[in-house]
Amino acid sequence: MESNEQKLTELRTTLRHHEYLYHVMDTPEIPDAEYDRLMRELRELEAQYPELITPDSPTQRVGAAPLASFSQIRHEVPMLSLDNVFDEESFLAFNKRVQD
């Protein structure tokens, strides 16, 4: 049986791999929903076992440097995030925040 520490290490390694492919190589291998599922699983395990959180965990940082080929643009209207909305209730709450 896999220990919690082993599972956390496996999730972190998997997520780092997919972050690199997505942010650096621009060649994702999994859908965003699968990445989000893995990240939720990691967050839940770290919440249960906070003593196992590491500074290099994907939950402790945001993304990676963008590709140099991406140019910066300025949005006339701010880009708002759905913040990983996965159900109708969350979407309706997000929509209400945007409209208020």
PDB file of N, CA and C in Angstrom:
ATOM      1  N   MET A   1       0.839  -1.184   0.000  1.00  0.00           N
ATOM      2  CA  MET A   1       0.000   0.000   0.000  1.00  0.00           C
ATOM      3  C   MET A   1       0.886   1.249   0.000  1.00  0.00           C
ATOM      4  N   GLU A   2       0.502   2.227  -0.781  1.00  0.00           N
ATOM      5  CA  GLU A   2       1.280   3.445  -0.939  1.00  0.00           C
ATOM      6  C   GLU A   2       1.093   4.366   0.273  1.00  0.00           C
ATOM      7  N   SER A   3       2.206   4.895   0.783  1.00  0.00           N
ATOM      8  CA  SER A   3       2.114   5.799   1.924  1.00  0.00           C
ATOM      9  C   SER A   3       1.658   7.182   1.457  1.00  0.00           C
ATOM     10  N   ASN A   4       1.181   7.968   2.403  1.00  0.00           N
ATOM     11  CA  ASN A   4       0.757   9.332   2.083  1.00  0.00           C
ATOM     12  C   ASN A   4       1.925  10.145   1.537  1.00  0.00           C
ATOM     13  N   GLU A   5       3.089   9.961   2.109  1.00  0.00           N
ATOM     14  CA  GLU A   5       4.272  10.692   1.640  1.00  0.00           C
ATOM     15  C   GLU A   5       4.623  10.303   0.205  1.00  0.00           C
ATOM     16  N   GLN A   6       4.525   9.013  -0.115  1.00  0.00           N
ATOM     17  CA  GLN A   6       4.800   8.557  -1.478  1.00  0.00           C
ATOM     18  C   GLN A   6       3.770   9.122  -2.456  1.00  0.00           C
ATOM     19  N   LYS A   7       2.510   9.134  -2.061  1.00  0.00           N
ATOM     20  CA  LYS A   7       1.449   9.661  -2.923  1.00  0.00           C
ATOM     21  C   LYS A   7       1.665  11.152  -3.176  1.00  0.00           C
ATOM     22  N   LEU A   8       2.023  11.896  -2.129  1.00  0.00           N
ATOM     23  CA  LEU A   8       2.291  13.330  -2.285  1.00  0.00           C
ATOM     24  C   LEU A   8       3.470  13.556  -3.233  1.00  0.00           C
ATOM     25  N   THR A   9       4.526  12.784  -3.070  1.00  0.00           N
ATOM     26  CA  THR A   9       5.700  12.909  -3.942  1.00  0.00           C
ATOM     27  C   THR A   9       5.323  12.614  -5.389  1.00  0.00           C
ATOM     28  N   GLU A  10       4.535  11.564  -5.589  1.00  0.00           N
ATOM     29  CA  GLU A  10       4.096  11.191  -6.939  1.00  0.00           C
ATOM     30  C   GLU A  10       3.246  12.303  -7.572  1.00  0.00           C
ATOM     31  N   LEU A  11       2.308  12.835  -6.814  1.00  0.00           N
ATOM     32  CA  LEU A  11       1.460  13.921  -7.332  1.00  0.00           C
ATOM     33  C   LEU A  11       2.293  15.150  -7.687  1.00  0.00           C
ATOM     34  N   ARG A  12       3.216  15.529  -6.812  1.00  0.00           N
ATOM     35  CA  ARG A  12       4.064  16.698  -7.075  1.00  0.00           C
ATOM     36  C   ARG A  12       4.899  16.505  -8.341  1.00  0.00           C
ATOM     37  N   THR A  13       5.475  15.335  -8.475  1.00  0.00           N
ATOM     38  CA  THR A  13       6.293  15.042  -9.660  1.00  0.00           C
ATOM     39  C   THR A  13       5.446  15.094 -10.925  1.00  0.00           C
ATOM     40  N   THR A  14       4.279  14.490 -10.876  1.00  0.00           N
ATOM     41  CA  THR A  14       3.381  14.472 -12.032  1.00  0.00           C
ATOM     42  C   THR A  14       2.944  15.887 -12.395  1.00  0.00           C
ATOM     43  N   LEU A  15       2.558  16.667 -11.402  1.00  0.00           N
ATOM     44  CA  LEU A  15       2.106  18.033 -11.665  1.00  0.00           C
ATOM     45  C   LEU A  15       3.238  18.897 -12.216  1.00  0.00           C
ATOM     46  N   ARG A  16       4.436  18.773 -11.664  1.00  0.00           N
ATOM     47  CA  ARG A  16       5.580  19.544 -12.184  1.00  0.00           C
ATOM     48  C   ARG A  16       5.848  19.204 -13.648  1.00  0.00           C
ATOM     49  N   HIS A  17       5.768  17.919 -13.966  1.00  0.00           N
ATOM     50  CA  HIS A  17       5.972  17.470 -15.344  1.00  0.00           C
ATOM     51  C   HIS A  17       4.957  18.142 -16.282  1.00  0.00           C
ATOM     52  N   HIS A  18       3.700  18.130 -15.887  1.00  0.00           N
ATOM     53  CA  HIS A  18       2.659  18.701 -16.740  1.00  0.00           C
ATOM     54  C   HIS A  18       2.719  20.228 -16.778  1.00  0.00           C
ATOM     55  N   GLU A  19       3.159  20.848 -15.695  1.00  0.00           N
ATOM     56  CA  GLU A  19       3.367  22.304 -15.722  1.00  0.00           C
ATOM     57  C   GLU A  19       4.458  22.668 -16.716  1.00  0.00           C
ATOM     58  N   TYR A  20       5.543  21.905 -16.727  1.00  0.00           N
ATOM     59  CA  TYR A  20       6.638  22.162 -17.653  1.00  0.00           C
ATOM     60  C   TYR A  20       6.160  22.016 -19.100  1.00  0.00           C
ATOM     61  N   LEU A  21       5.446  20.929 -19.372  1.00  0.00           N
ATOM     62  CA  LEU A  21       4.954  20.728 -20.735  1.00  0.00           C
ATOM     63  C   LEU A  21       4.014  21.855 -21.163  1.00  0.00           C
ATOM     64  N   TYR A  22       3.171  22.286 -20.254  1.00  0.00           N
ATOM     65  CA  TYR A  22       2.169  23.303 -20.574  1.00  0.00           C
ATOM     66  C   TYR A  22       2.796  24.695 -20.705  1.00  0.00           C
ATOM     67  N   HIS A  23       3.550  25.098 -19.692  1.00  0.00           N
ATOM     68  CA  HIS A  23       4.050  26.477 -19.636  1.00  0.00           C
ATOM     69  C   HIS A  23       5.333  26.711 -20.423  1.00  0.00           C
ATOM     70  N   VAL A  24       6.210  25.722 -20.470  1.00  0.00           N
ATOM     71  CA  VAL A  24       7.512  25.918 -21.101  1.00  0.00           C
ATOM     72  C   VAL A  24       7.536  25.373 -22.523  1.00  0.00           C
ATOM     73  N   MET A  25       7.054  24.158 -22.698  1.00  0.00           N
ATOM     74  CA  MET A  25       7.116  23.529 -24.014  1.00  0.00           C
ATOM     75  C   MET A  25       5.884  23.796 -24.878  1.00  0.00           C
ATOM     76  N   ASP A  26       4.805  24.300 -24.279  1.00  0.00           N
ATOM     77  CA  ASP A  26       3.549  24.541 -24.997  1.00  0.00           C
ATOM     78  C   ASP A  26       3.059  23.272 -25.698  1.00  0.00           C
ATOM     79  N   THR A  27       3.220  22.136 -24.992  1.00  0.00           N
ATOM     80  CA  THR A  27       2.787  20.840 -25.529  1.00  0.00           C
ATOM     81  C   THR A  27       2.088  20.024 -24.435  1.00  0.00           C
ATOM     82  N   PRO A  28       0.918  20.458 -23.995  1.00  0.00           N
ATOM     83  CA  PRO A  28       0.245  19.723 -22.917  1.00  0.00           C
ATOM     84  C   PRO A  28      -0.104  18.296 -23.330  1.00  0.00           C
ATOM     85  N   GLU A  29      -0.023  17.388 -22.350  1.00  0.00           N
ATOM     86  CA  GLU A  29      -0.353  15.984 -22.589  1.00  0.00           C
ATOM     87  C   GLU A  29      -1.703  15.590 -21.991  1.00  0.00           C
ATOM     88  N   ILE A  30      -2.195  16.395 -21.055  1.00  0.00           N
ATOM     89  CA  ILE A  30      -3.469  16.059 -20.401  1.00  0.00           C
ATOM     90  C   ILE A  30      -4.390  17.273 -20.482  1.00  0.00           C
ATOM     91  N   PRO A  31      -5.696  17.038 -20.429  1.00  0.00           N
ATOM     92  CA  PRO A  31      -6.646  18.164 -20.426  1.00  0.00           C
ATOM     93  C   PRO A  31      -6.521  18.967 -19.128  1.00  0.00           C
ATOM     94  N   ASP A  32      -6.907  20.225 -19.182  1.00  0.00           N
ATOM     95  CA  ASP A  32      -6.873  21.091 -18.006  1.00  0.00           C
ATOM     96  C   ASP A  32      -7.663  20.497 -16.847  1.00  0.00           C
ATOM     97  N   ALA A  33      -8.786  19.870 -17.145  1.00  0.00           N
ATOM     98  CA  ALA A  33      -9.617  19.283 -16.088  1.00  0.00           C
ATOM     99  C   ALA A  33      -8.868  18.187 -15.336  1.00  0.00           C
ATOM    100  N   GLU A  34      -8.050  17.409 -16.032  1.00  0.00           N
ATOM    101  CA  GLU A  34      -7.267  16.357 -15.374  1.00  0.00           C
ATOM    102  C   GLU A  34      -6.175  16.976 -14.506  1.00  0.00           C
ATOM    103  N   TYR A  35      -5.524  18.028 -15.011  1.00  0.00           N
ATOM    104  CA  TYR A  35      -4.527  18.732 -14.200  1.00  0.00           C
ATOM    105  C   TYR A  35      -5.190  19.288 -12.936  1.00  0.00           C
ATOM    106  N   ASP A  36      -6.339  19.909 -13.093  1.00  0.00           N
ATOM    107  CA  ASP A  36      -7.063  20.473 -11.948  1.00  0.00           C
ATOM    108  C   ASP A  36      -7.442  19.387 -10.949  1.00  0.00           C
ATOM    109  N   ARG A  37      -7.826  18.211 -11.430  1.00  0.00           N
ATOM    110  CA  ARG A  37      -8.176  17.102 -10.543  1.00  0.00           C
ATOM    111  C   ARG A  37      -6.961  16.663  -9.725  1.00  0.00           C
ATOM    112  N   LEU A  38      -5.815  16.549 -10.393  1.00  0.00           N
ATOM    113  CA  LEU A  38      -4.584  16.176  -9.693  1.00  0.00           C
ATOM    114  C   LEU A  38      -4.205  17.230  -8.652  1.00  0.00           C
ATOM    115  N   MET A  39      -4.352  18.504  -9.015  1.00  0.00           N
ATOM    116  CA  MET A  39      -4.022  19.582  -8.086  1.00  0.00           C
ATOM    117  C   MET A  39      -4.968  19.564  -6.878  1.00  0.00           C
ATOM    118  N   ARG A  40      -6.246  19.318  -7.114  1.00  0.00           N
ATOM    119  CA  ARG A  40      -7.197  19.222  -5.990  1.00  0.00           C
ATOM    120  C   ARG A  40      -6.822  18.076  -5.059  1.00  0.00           C
ATOM    121  N   GLU A  41      -6.443  16.952  -5.647  1.00  0.00           N
ATOM    122  CA  GLU A  41      -6.034  15.798  -4.844  1.00  0.00           C
ATOM    123  C   GLU A  41      -4.812  16.146  -3.989  1.00  0.00           C
ATOM    124  N   LEU A  42      -3.853  16.828  -4.584  1.00  0.00           N
ATOM    125  CA  LEU A  42      -2.661  17.260  -3.843  1.00  0.00           C
ATOM    126  C   LEU A  42      -3.033  18.216  -2.719  1.00  0.00           C
ATOM    127  N   ARG A  43      -3.857  19.206  -3.020  1.00  0.00           N
ATOM    128  CA  ARG A  43      -4.285  20.170  -1.987  1.00  0.00           C
ATOM    129  C   ARG A  43      -4.993  19.464  -0.823  1.00  0.00           C
ATOM    130  N   GLU A  44      -5.849  18.505  -1.143  1.00  0.00           N
ATOM    131  CA  GLU A  44      -6.578  17.781  -0.098  1.00  0.00           C
ATOM    132  C   GLU A  44      -5.633  16.970   0.786  1.00  0.00           C
ATOM    133  N   LEU A  45      -4.673  16.284   0.164  1.00  0.00           N
ATOM    134  CA  LEU A  45      -3.708  15.513   0.953  1.00  0.00           C
ATOM    135  C   LEU A  45      -2.830  16.426   1.805  1.00  0.00           C
ATOM    136  N   GLU A  46      -2.408  17.550   1.245  1.00  0.00           N
ATOM    137  CA  GLU A  46      -1.588  18.484   2.023  1.00  0.00           C
ATOM    138  C   GLU A  46      -2.388  19.102   3.170  1.00  0.00           C
ATOM    139  N   ALA A  47      -3.675  19.294   2.974  1.00  0.00           N
ATOM    140  CA  ALA A  47      -4.516  19.812   4.054  1.00  0.00           C
ATOM    141  C   ALA A  47      -4.631  18.783   5.181  1.00  0.00           C
ATOM    142  N   GLN A  48      -4.685  17.512   4.808  1.00  0.00           N
ATOM    143  CA  GLN A  48      -4.766  16.445   5.807  1.00  0.00           C
ATOM    144  C   GLN A  48      -3.435  16.229   6.529  1.00  0.00           C
ATOM    145  N   TYR A  49      -2.333  16.464   5.805  1.00  0.00           N
ATOM    146  CA  TYR A  49      -1.002  16.204   6.346  1.00  0.00           C
ATOM    147  C   TYR A  49      -0.104  17.427   6.131  1.00  0.00           C
ATOM    148  N   PRO A  50      -0.388  18.545   6.801  1.00  0.00           N
ATOM    149  CA  PRO A  50       0.375  19.780   6.571  1.00  0.00           C
ATOM    150  C   PRO A  50       1.862  19.640   6.881  1.00  0.00           C
ATOM    151  N   GLU A  51       2.208  18.691   7.729  1.00  0.00           N
ATOM    152  CA  GLU A  51       3.625  18.482   8.037  1.00  0.00           C
ATOM    153  C   GLU A  51       4.398  17.938   6.836  1.00  0.00           C
ATOM    154  N   LEU A  52       3.686  17.474   5.802  1.00  0.00           N
ATOM    155  CA  LEU A  52       4.327  16.924   4.603  1.00  0.00           C
ATOM    156  C   LEU A  52       4.398  17.927   3.454  1.00  0.00           C
ATOM    157  N   ILE A  53       3.931  19.159   3.687  1.00  0.00           N
ATOM    158  CA  ILE A  53       4.018  20.191   2.639  1.00  0.00           C
ATOM    159  C   ILE A  53       5.480  20.579   2.453  1.00  0.00           C
ATOM    160  N   THR A  54       5.896  20.682   1.201  1.00  0.00           N
ATOM    161  CA  THR A  54       7.270  21.078   0.892  1.00  0.00           C
ATOM    162  C   THR A  54       7.263  22.437   0.188  1.00  0.00           C
ATOM    163  N   PRO A  55       8.335  23.211   0.353  1.00  0.00           N
ATOM    164  CA  PRO A  55       8.375  24.541  -0.280  1.00  0.00           C
ATOM    165  C   PRO A  55       8.277  24.503  -1.803  1.00  0.00           C
ATOM    166  N   ASP A  56       8.691  23.387  -2.401  1.00  0.00           N
ATOM    167  CA  ASP A  56       8.663  23.291  -3.859  1.00  0.00           C
ATOM    168  C   ASP A  56       7.386  22.654  -4.392  1.00  0.00           C
ATOM    169  N   SER A  57       6.417  22.425  -3.519  1.00  0.00           N
ATOM    170  CA  SER A  57       5.149  21.834  -3.958  1.00  0.00           C
ATOM    171  C   SER A  57       4.440  22.769  -4.937  1.00  0.00           C
ATOM    172  N   PRO A  58       3.800  22.217  -5.970  1.00  0.00           N
ATOM    173  CA  PRO A  58       3.030  23.047  -6.898  1.00  0.00           C
ATOM    174  C   PRO A  58       1.954  23.884  -6.206  1.00  0.00           C
ATOM    175  N   THR A  59       1.535  23.482  -5.017  1.00  0.00           N
ATOM    176  CA  THR A  59       0.536  24.282  -4.290  1.00  0.00           C
ATOM    177  C   THR A  59       1.148  25.530  -3.665  1.00  0.00           C
ATOM    178  N   GLN A  60       2.476  25.600  -3.620  1.00  0.00           N
ATOM    179  CA  GLN A  60       3.154  26.708  -2.952  1.00  0.00           C
ATOM    180  C   GLN A  60       3.680  27.755  -3.925  1.00  0.00           C
ATOM    181  N   ARG A  61       3.382  27.591  -5.199  1.00  0.00           N
ATOM    182  CA  ARG A  61       3.833  28.564  -6.203  1.00  0.00           C
ATOM    183  C   ARG A  61       2.826  28.637  -7.343  1.00  0.00           C
ATOM    184  N   VAL A  62       3.045  29.596  -8.235  1.00  0.00           N
ATOM    185  CA  VAL A  62       2.117  29.788  -9.343  1.00  0.00           C
ATOM    186  C   VAL A  62       2.872  29.652 -10.659  1.00  0.00           C
ATOM    187  N   GLY A  63       2.445  28.698 -11.482  1.00  0.00           N
ATOM    188  CA  GLY A  63       2.910  28.554 -12.857  1.00  0.00           C
ATOM    189  C   GLY A  63       4.408  28.514 -13.056  1.00  0.00           C
ATOM    190  N   ALA A  64       4.800  28.894 -14.249  1.00  0.00           N
ATOM    191  CA  ALA A  64       6.195  28.935 -14.657  1.00  0.00           C
ATOM    192  C   ALA A  64       6.359  30.137 -15.572  1.00  0.00           C
ATOM    193  N   ALA A  65       7.585  30.420 -15.923  1.00  0.00           N
ATOM    194  CA  ALA A  65       7.833  31.543 -16.817  1.00  0.00           C
ATOM    195  C   ALA A  65       7.186  31.261 -18.181  1.00  0.00           C
ATOM    196  N   PRO A  66       6.545  32.268 -18.792  1.00  0.00           N
ATOM    197  CA  PRO A  66       5.939  32.045 -20.112  1.00  0.00           C
ATOM    198  C   PRO A  66       7.006  31.902 -21.192  1.00  0.00           C
ATOM    199  N   LEU A  67       6.615  31.313 -22.284  1.00  0.00           N
ATOM    200  CA  LEU A  67       7.520  31.200 -23.424  1.00  0.00           C
ATOM    201  C   LEU A  67       7.954  32.584 -23.888  1.00  0.00           C
ATOM    202  N   ALA A  68       9.194  32.706 -24.299  1.00  0.00           N
ATOM    203  CA  ALA A  68       9.706  33.986 -24.784  1.00  0.00           C
ATOM    204  C   ALA A  68       8.948  34.444 -26.032  1.00  0.00           C
ATOM    205  N   SER A  69       8.382  33.494 -26.783  1.00  0.00           N
ATOM    206  CA  SER A  69       7.673  33.841 -28.011  1.00  0.00           C
ATOM    207  C   SER A  69       6.307  34.475 -27.749  1.00  0.00           C
ATOM    208  N   PHE A  70       5.820  34.418 -26.505  1.00  0.00           N
ATOM    209  CA  PHE A  70       4.551  35.054 -26.173  1.00  0.00           C
ATOM    210  C   PHE A  70       4.765  36.546 -25.974  1.00  0.00           C
ATOM    211  N   SER A  71       3.997  37.342 -26.688  1.00  0.00           N
ATOM    212  CA  SER A  71       4.103  38.785 -26.493  1.00  0.00           C
ATOM    213  C   SER A  71       3.099  39.225 -25.436  1.00  0.00           C
ATOM    214  N   GLN A  72       3.428  40.312 -24.745  1.00  0.00           N
ATOM    215  CA  GLN A  72       2.520  40.834 -23.738  1.00  0.00           C
ATOM    216  C   GLN A  72       1.498  41.744 -24.398  1.00  0.00           C
ATOM    217  N   ILE A  73       0.278  41.680 -23.887  1.00  0.00           N
ATOM    218  CA  ILE A  73      -0.759  42.590 -24.365  1.00  0.00           C
ATOM    219  C   ILE A  73      -1.447  43.197 -23.150  1.00  0.00           C
ATOM    220  N   ARG A  74      -2.086  44.310 -23.358  1.00  0.00           N
ATOM    221  CA  ARG A  74      -2.842  44.955 -22.293  1.00  0.00           C
ATOM    222  C   ARG A  74      -4.318  44.836 -22.638  1.00  0.00           C
ATOM    223  N   HIS A  75      -5.078  44.254 -21.736  1.00  0.00           N
ATOM    224  CA  HIS A  75      -6.510  44.079 -21.955  1.00  0.00           C
ATOM    225  C   HIS A  75      -7.243  45.368 -21.601  1.00  0.00           C
ATOM    226  N   GLU A  76      -8.108  45.807 -22.479  1.00  0.00           N
ATOM    227  CA  GLU A  76      -8.906  46.992 -22.183  1.00  0.00           C
ATOM    228  C   GLU A  76      -9.907  46.706 -21.074  1.00  0.00           C
ATOM    229  N   VAL A  77     -10.417  45.489 -21.061  1.00  0.00           N
ATOM    230  CA  VAL A  77     -11.331  45.042 -20.006  1.00  0.00           C
ATOM    231  C   VAL A  77     -10.580  43.967 -19.218  1.00  0.00           C
ATOM    232  N   PRO A  78     -10.529  44.075 -17.890  1.00  0.00           N
ATOM    233  CA  PRO A  78      -9.779  43.086 -17.101  1.00  0.00           C
ATOM    234  C   PRO A  78     -10.245  41.656 -17.377  1.00  0.00           C
ATOM    235  N   MET A  79      -9.293  40.750 -17.448  1.00  0.00           N
ATOM    236  CA  MET A  79      -9.593  39.333 -17.617  1.00  0.00           C
ATOM    237  C   MET A  79      -9.880  38.761 -16.237  1.00  0.00           C
ATOM    238  N   LEU A  80     -11.063  38.220 -16.042  1.00  0.00           N
ATOM    239  CA  LEU A  80     -11.449  37.664 -14.753  1.00  0.00           C
ATOM    240  C   LEU A  80     -11.408  36.142 -14.825  1.00  0.00           C
ATOM    241  N   SER A  81     -11.019  35.522 -13.750  1.00  0.00           N
ATOM    242  CA  SER A  81     -10.847  34.079 -13.717  1.00  0.00           C
ATOM    243  C   SER A  81     -12.080  33.374 -13.184  1.00  0.00           C
ATOM    244  N   LEU A  82     -12.369  32.206 -13.749  1.00  0.00           N
ATOM    245  CA  LEU A  82     -13.442  31.370 -13.221  1.00  0.00           C
ATOM    246  C   LEU A  82     -12.977  30.612 -11.981  1.00  0.00           C
ATOM    247  N   ASP A  83     -11.686  30.670 -11.675  1.00  0.00           N
ATOM    248  CA  ASP A  83     -11.135  30.068 -10.461  1.00  0.00           C
ATOM    249  C   ASP A  83     -11.543  28.604 -10.321  1.00  0.00           C
ATOM    250  N   ASN A  84     -11.338  27.845 -11.377  1.00  0.00           N
ATOM    251  CA  ASN A  84     -11.616  26.405 -11.353  1.00  0.00           C
ATOM    252  C   ASN A  84     -13.053  26.077 -10.986  1.00  0.00           C
ATOM    253  N   VAL A  85     -13.989  26.640 -11.726  1.00  0.00           N
ATOM    254  CA  VAL A  85     -15.408  26.358 -11.511  1.00  0.00           C
ATOM    255  C   VAL A  85     -15.740  25.034 -12.192  1.00  0.00           C
ATOM    256  N   PHE A  86     -16.360  24.126 -11.415  1.00  0.00           N
ATOM    257  CA  PHE A  86     -16.660  22.800 -11.955  1.00  0.00           C
ATOM    258  C   PHE A  86     -18.130  22.421 -11.877  1.00  0.00           C
ATOM    259  N   ASP A  87     -18.952  23.302 -11.305  1.00  0.00           N
ATOM    260  CA  ASP A  87     -20.370  22.971 -11.219  1.00  0.00           C
ATOM    261  C   ASP A  87     -21.193  24.250 -11.380  1.00  0.00           C
ATOM    262  N   GLU A  88     -22.491  24.059 -11.580  1.00  0.00           N
ATOM    263  CA  GLU A  88     -23.375  25.190 -11.858  1.00  0.00           C
ATOM    264  C   GLU A  88     -23.426  26.180 -10.692  1.00  0.00           C
ATOM    265  N   GLU A  89     -23.476  25.667  -9.482  1.00  0.00           N
ATOM    266  CA  GLU A  89     -23.559  26.536  -8.307  1.00  0.00           C
ATOM    267  C   GLU A  89     -22.337  27.459  -8.216  1.00  0.00           C
ATOM    268  N   SER A  90     -21.152  26.914  -8.456  1.00  0.00           N
ATOM    269  CA  SER A  90     -19.928  27.728  -8.431  1.00  0.00           C
ATOM    270  C   SER A  90     -19.934  28.750  -9.558  1.00  0.00           C
ATOM    271  N   PHE A  91     -20.422  28.331 -10.729  1.00  0.00           N
ATOM    272  CA  PHE A  91     -20.489  29.259 -11.846  1.00  0.00           C
ATOM    273  C   PHE A  91     -21.438  30.416 -11.535  1.00  0.00           C
ATOM    274  N   LEU A  92     -22.585  30.109 -10.981  1.00  0.00           N
ATOM    275  CA  LEU A  92     -23.559  31.160 -10.661  1.00  0.00           C
ATOM    276  C   LEU A  92     -22.988  32.133  -9.627  1.00  0.00           C
ATOM    277  N   ALA A  93     -22.245  31.617  -8.649  1.00  0.00           N
ATOM    278  CA  ALA A  93     -21.616  32.489  -7.654  1.00  0.00           C
ATOM    279  C   ALA A  93     -20.572  33.381  -8.323  1.00  0.00           C
ATOM    280  N   PHE A  94     -19.760  32.804  -9.228  1.00  0.00           N
ATOM    281  CA  PHE A  94     -18.770  33.592  -9.963  1.00  0.00           C
ATOM    282  C   PHE A  94     -19.463  34.666 -10.795  1.00  0.00           C
ATOM    283  N   ASN A  95     -20.504  34.280 -11.504  1.00  0.00           N
ATOM    284  CA  ASN A  95     -21.232  35.214 -12.358  1.00  0.00           C
ATOM    285  C   ASN A  95     -21.799  36.378 -11.547  1.00  0.00           C
ATOM    286  N   LYS A  96     -22.297  36.087 -10.374  1.00  0.00           N
ATOM    287  CA  LYS A  96     -22.828  37.133  -9.499  1.00  0.00           C
ATOM    288  C   LYS A  96     -21.712  38.098  -9.073  1.00  0.00           C
ATOM    289  N   ARG A  97     -20.545  37.553  -8.726  1.00  0.00           N
ATOM    290  CA  ARG A  97     -19.409  38.414  -8.330  1.00  0.00           C
ATOM    291  C   ARG A  97     -18.999  39.334  -9.481  1.00  0.00           C
ATOM    292  N   VAL A  98     -18.998  38.805 -10.696  1.00  0.00           N
ATOM    293  CA  VAL A  98     -18.591  39.593 -11.860  1.00  0.00           C
ATOM    294  C   VAL A  98     -19.580  40.720 -12.121  1.00  0.00           C
ATOM    295  N   GLN A  99     -20.856  40.420 -11.953  1.00  0.00           N
ATOM    296  CA  GLN A  99     -21.881  41.416 -12.256  1.00  0.00           C
ATOM    297  C   GLN A  99     -22.042  42.469 -11.160  1.00  0.00           C
ATOM    298  N   ASP A 100     -21.650  42.152  -9.938  1.00  0.00           N
ATOM    299  CA  ASP A 100     -21.805  43.106  -8.826  1.00  0.00           C
ATOM    300  C   ASP A 100     -20.730  44.171  -8.821  1.00  0.00           C
TER     301      ASP A 100
END
